[in-house]
Every structure is written in C-alpha cells, then in structure tokens.
C-alpha atoms as a PDB file:
ATOM      1  CA  MET A   1       0.136  -0.026  -0.008  1.00  0.00           C
ATOM      2  CA  TYR A   2       2.727   2.274   0.937  1.00  0.00           C
ATOM      3  CA  SER A   3       4.391   1.944  -2.995  1.00  0.00           C
ATOM      4  CA  THR A   4       0.733   2.771  -4.529  1.00  0.00           C
ATOM      5  CA  GLN A   5       0.699   6.078  -2.353  1.00  0.00           C
ATOM      6  CA  ALA A   6       4.229   7.054  -3.341  1.00  0.00           C
ATOM      7  CA  LEU A   7       3.397   6.731  -7.125  1.00  0.00           C
ATOM      8  CA  THR A   8       0.012   8.603  -6.394  1.00  0.00           C
ATOM      9  CA  HIS A   9       2.460  11.621  -5.181  1.00  0.00           C
ATOM     10  CA  LEU A  10       4.858  11.114  -7.897  1.00  0.00           C
ATOM     11  CA  VAL A  11       2.207  11.137 -10.846  1.00  0.00           C
ATOM     12  CA  PRO A  12       1.264  14.857 -10.643  1.00  0.00           C
ATOM     13  CA  LEU A  13       4.974  15.618 -10.975  1.00  0.00           C
ATOM     14  CA  ALA A  14       5.371  13.581 -14.087  1.00  0.00           C
ATOM     15  CA  ALA A  15       2.408  15.364 -15.700  1.00  0.00           C
ATOM     16  CA  ASP A  16       3.909  18.691 -15.223  1.00  0.00           C
ATOM     17  CA  GLU A  17       7.011  17.808 -17.204  1.00  0.00           C
ATOM     18  CA  LEU A  18       5.438  15.755 -19.989  1.00  0.00           C
ATOM     19  CA  ASP A  19       5.189  17.460 -23.007  1.00  0.00           C
ATOM     20  CA  LYS A  20       2.414  15.813 -25.083  1.00  0.00           C
ATOM     21  CA  ASN A  21       3.751  17.039 -28.365  1.00  0.00           C
ATOM     22  CA  LYS A  22       6.837  15.171 -28.007  1.00  0.00           C
ATOM     23  CA  VAL A  23       5.947  11.882 -26.977  1.00  0.00           C
ATOM     24  CA  THR A  24       7.009   8.827 -28.803  1.00  0.00           C
ATOM     25  CA  PRO A  25       6.832   5.332 -28.578  1.00  0.00           C
ATOM     26  CA  GLY A  26      10.626   4.919 -27.882  1.00  0.00           C
ATOM     27  CA  VAL A  27      13.056   1.951 -27.957  1.00  0.00           C
ATOM     28  CA  LEU A  28      10.478  -0.299 -25.937  1.00  0.00           C
ATOM     29  CA  GLY A  29       7.827   0.252 -28.773  1.00  0.00           C
ATOM     30  CA  PHE A  30      10.277  -0.639 -31.539  1.00  0.00           C
ATOM     31  CA  ILE A  31      11.430  -3.520 -29.741  1.00  0.00           C
ATOM     32  CA  VAL A  32       7.563  -4.584 -29.178  1.00  0.00           C
ATOM     33  CA  PHE A  33       6.846  -3.824 -32.910  1.00  0.00           C
ATOM     34  CA  ALA A  34      10.180  -5.605 -33.983  1.00  0.00           C
ATOM     35  CA  ALA A  35       9.135  -8.637 -32.262  1.00  0.00           C
ATOM     36  CA  LEU A  36       5.598  -8.800 -33.468  1.00  0.00           C
ATOM     37  CA  ALA A  37       6.767  -8.452 -36.951  1.00  0.00           C
ATOM     38  CA  VAL A  38       9.632 -11.335 -36.585  1.00  0.00           C
ATOM     39  CA  GLY A  39       6.697 -13.407 -34.981  1.00  0.00           C
ATOM     40  CA  VAL A  40       4.367 -13.093 -38.040  1.00  0.00           C
ATOM     41  CA  TRP A  41       7.593 -13.737 -40.618  1.00  0.00           C
ATOM     42  CA  LEU A  42       8.115 -16.732 -38.890  1.00  0.00           C
ATOM     43  CA  LEU A  43       4.423 -17.961 -38.640  1.00  0.00           C
ATOM     44  CA  MET A  44       4.241 -17.363 -42.439  1.00  0.00           C
ATOM     45  CA  LYS A  45       6.964 -19.150 -43.127  1.00  0.00           C
ATOM     46  CA  SER A  46       5.799 -22.228 -41.282  1.00  0.00           C
ATOM     47  CA  MET A  47       2.361 -21.987 -42.981  1.00  0.00           C
ATOM     48  CA  ASN A  48       4.034 -21.970 -46.369  1.00  0.00           C
ATOM     49  CA  ARG A  49       6.291 -25.051 -45.239  1.00  0.00           C
ATOM     50  CA  HIS A  50       2.784 -26.711 -44.140  1.00  0.00           C
ATOM     51  CA  MET A  51       1.047 -25.891 -47.301  1.00  0.00           C
ATOM     52  CA  GLY A  52       3.880 -27.060 -49.397  1.00  0.00           C
ATOM     53  CA  ARG A  53       3.592 -30.511 -47.801  1.00  0.00           C
ATOM     54  CA  VAL A  54      -0.205 -30.974 -48.647  1.00  0.00           C
ATOM     55  CA  ASN A  55      -0.790 -33.354 -51.451  1.00  0.00           C
ATOM     56  CA  PHE A  56      -4.277 -32.475 -53.012  1.00  0.00           C
ATOM     57  CA  GLU A  57      -4.870 -34.596 -55.936  1.00  0.00           C
ATOM     58  CA  GLU A  58      -8.455 -34.072 -57.595  1.00  0.00           C
ATOM     59  CA  ALA A  59     -10.387 -37.285 -58.385  1.00  0.00           C
ATOM     60  CA  PRO A  60     -10.831 -37.674 -61.984  1.00  0.00           C
ATOM     61  CA  GLU A  61     -14.712 -36.943 -63.395  1.00  0.00           C
ATOM     62  CA  ASP A  62     -16.250 -40.069 -64.476  1.00  0.00           C
ATOM     63  CA  THR A  63     -19.568 -39.645 -66.314  1.00  0.00           C
ATOM     64  CA  GLU A  64     -20.660 -43.217 -65.259  1.00  0.00           C
ATOM     65  CA  ALA A  65     -20.164 -42.822 -61.488  1.00  0.00           C
ATOM     66  CA  PRO A  66     -23.000 -43.694 -59.356  1.00  0.00           C
ATOM     67  CA  ALA A  67     -25.073 -41.137 -57.785  1.00  0.00           C
ATOM     68  CA  PRO A  68     -24.651 -40.013 -54.324  1.00  0.00           C
ATOM     69  CA  ALA A  69     -27.135 -41.553 -51.760  1.00  0.00           C
ATOM     70  CA  GLY A  70     -30.196 -39.416 -51.062  1.00  0.00           C
ATOM     71  CA  THR A  71     -30.324 -38.104 -54.690  1.00  0.00           C
ATOM     72  CA  GLY A  72     -33.511 -38.900 -56.874  1.00  0.00           C
ATOM     73  CA  ALA A  73     -31.750 -40.959 -59.118  1.00  0.00           C
ATOM     74  CA  SER A  74     -30.903 -43.546 -56.607  1.00  0.00           C
ATOM     75  CA  ALA A  75     -34.122 -43.400 -54.879  1.00  0.00           C
ATOM     76  CA  GLY A  76     -35.910 -44.110 -58.467  1.00  0.00           C
ATOM     77  CA  ALA A  77     -33.693 -46.921 -58.951  1.00  0.00           C
ATOM     78  CA  ARG A  78     -34.317 -48.658 -55.559  1.00  0.00           C
ATOM     79  CA  ALA A  79     -38.123 -48.500 -55.940  1.00  0.00           C
ATOM     80  CA  GLU A  80     -38.225 -50.430 -59.331  1.00  0.00           C
END
C-alpha cells in the first residue's frame, strides 16, 4: 500500500514535465513492434512449409459414376 501512495504522489509531478507534442513510443515500442514482425514472419514461413506438404489430387470426373445416396436418381432405382 505504501508503494501505491508514493506513486500517486509522483504522477502529478511527471504530468507537469510531460510535453504531449513530443511523446514517442521510444525503444520499447520499437522492440515490441520488431518482435511482432519477426513472429508474423516465422508464422508465415511455417504456414508456407505446411501448405507445401499438402498432397491434393483431384478425383477424375467419371460420367458413369454412381449418384450419391439421397438423390432422386438412386431413390428411383431402388423403387423399381
């Protein structure tokens, strides 16, 4: 509780010295931004590697392929 009281007494002093027109993110802001950029780059690199491993082959289109279950063509064939 003593530390919070000390900080509340120091905040008004800092507010007097602060020039709101010259506030910049500083070094900490750059480090955070750079870390986020590196993280996004690594995620994209990993995604590209995983997408390259996907083996996608389309099934050939058969004109004589049976109709899927539940369609009218297969239901009519069963009724006869």
